[in-house]
Amino acid sequence: MKTTTSNSTSVSKLYCNVFGHQYNVTKQVTMHVKEYTCKCCKKQLTTNGNGRLTELTPTFKEINSILENIHTRRMLRSKQKMYATTAA
């Protein structure tokens, strides 16, 4: 059975297959962990524990969300400690 896809999707995938993906950072989770999206075919990637790019699965989305929450709380605590020491 043949599935129909839009013509623009086929062209963008063909472009990526020939010239490679053009990734843009869509979300910076921490200083080292980022999420990327290809501007042509909309493929999403993230960095894994080894620093390599892997496909952004629901598991990695959840991991990045939790990691972002931990990182944000840690940075807020660090700023509060810094202000407390300068005010004293």
Protein backbone atom coordinates (compact mmCIF):
# COMPACT_ATOMS: atom_id res chain seq x y z
CA MET A 1 0.00 0.00 0.00
CA LYS A 2 1.34 3.38 -0.97
CA THR A 3 0.98 6.22 1.51
CA THR A 4 0.62 9.76 0.27
CA THR A 5 2.83 12.50 1.66
CA SER A 6 2.87 16.16 0.86
CA ASN A 7 5.21 17.21 -1.91
CA SER A 8 7.02 19.76 0.27
CA THR A 9 7.86 17.09 2.87
CA SER A 10 9.38 14.87 0.20
CA VAL A 11 11.43 17.74 -1.20
CA SER A 12 12.72 18.77 2.23
CA LYS A 13 13.70 15.19 3.09
CA LEU A 14 15.43 14.89 -0.26
CA TYR A 15 17.28 18.14 0.41
CA CYS A 16 18.45 16.83 3.79
CA ASN A 17 19.53 13.52 2.25
CA VAL A 18 21.61 15.29 -0.39
CA PHE A 19 23.04 18.29 1.48
CA GLY A 20 22.65 17.25 5.12
CA HIS A 21 20.51 18.63 7.92
CA GLN A 22 20.55 22.26 8.98
CA TYR A 23 20.11 22.10 12.74
CA ASN A 24 19.14 25.10 14.85
CA VAL A 25 19.15 25.15 18.66
CA THR A 26 15.50 25.23 19.75
CA LYS A 27 16.00 24.84 23.50
CA GLN A 28 19.01 25.13 25.78
CA VAL A 29 18.36 22.75 28.66
CA THR A 30 21.71 23.35 30.40
CA MET A 31 25.02 24.77 29.27
CA HIS A 32 25.95 21.41 27.73
CA VAL A 33 22.58 19.88 26.83
CA LYS A 34 20.59 21.39 23.98
CA GLU A 35 17.69 20.39 21.75
CA TYR A 36 18.02 20.86 18.00
CA THR A 37 15.55 20.92 15.11
CA CYS A 38 16.35 20.68 11.41
CA LYS A 39 14.86 23.70 9.70
CA CYS A 40 14.06 21.70 6.55
CA CYS A 41 12.61 18.36 7.65
CA LYS A 42 11.81 19.25 11.31
CA LYS A 43 13.80 16.29 12.68
CA GLN A 44 14.52 16.79 16.41
CA LEU A 45 17.73 15.80 18.18
CA THR A 46 19.26 16.25 21.60
CA THR A 47 22.63 15.59 23.18
CA ASN A 48 22.94 12.39 25.20
CA GLY A 49 25.13 11.62 28.19
CA ASN A 50 28.19 11.14 25.97
CA GLY A 51 27.71 14.49 24.22
CA ARG A 52 26.58 12.94 20.96
CA LEU A 53 23.40 13.83 19.09
CA THR A 54 20.54 11.36 19.40
CA GLU A 55 16.94 11.45 18.23
CA LEU A 56 14.61 13.27 20.62
CA THR A 57 12.30 10.53 21.88
CA PRO A 58 9.62 10.99 24.56
CA THR A 59 12.07 9.48 27.07
CA PHE A 60 14.73 12.06 26.23
CA LYS A 61 12.10 14.83 26.35
CA GLU A 62 11.22 13.78 29.90
CA ILE A 63 14.89 13.52 30.90
CA ASN A 64 15.60 17.00 29.48
CA SER A 65 12.59 18.46 31.29
CA ILE A 66 13.70 17.05 34.66
CA LEU A 67 17.30 18.10 34.00
CA GLU A 68 16.16 21.63 33.16
CA ASN A 69 14.15 21.85 36.41
CA ILE A 70 17.13 20.69 38.48
CA HIS A 71 19.47 23.08 36.68
CA THR A 72 17.11 26.04 37.14
CA ARG A 73 16.65 25.39 40.86
CA ARG A 74 20.39 24.99 41.35
CA MET A 75 21.12 28.26 39.56
CA LEU A 76 18.50 30.11 41.65
CA ARG A 77 20.02 28.75 44.87
CA SER A 78 23.47 29.76 43.70
CA LYS A 79 22.30 33.31 43.00
CA GLN A 80 20.59 33.53 46.40
CA LYS A 81 23.78 32.44 48.17
CA MET A 82 25.78 34.96 46.17
CA TYR A 83 23.44 37.82 47.13
CA ALA A 84 23.42 36.71 50.77
CA THR A 85 27.21 36.78 50.99
CA THR A 86 27.52 40.20 49.29
CA ALA A 87 24.80 41.73 51.50
CA ALA A 88 26.42 40.55 54.74
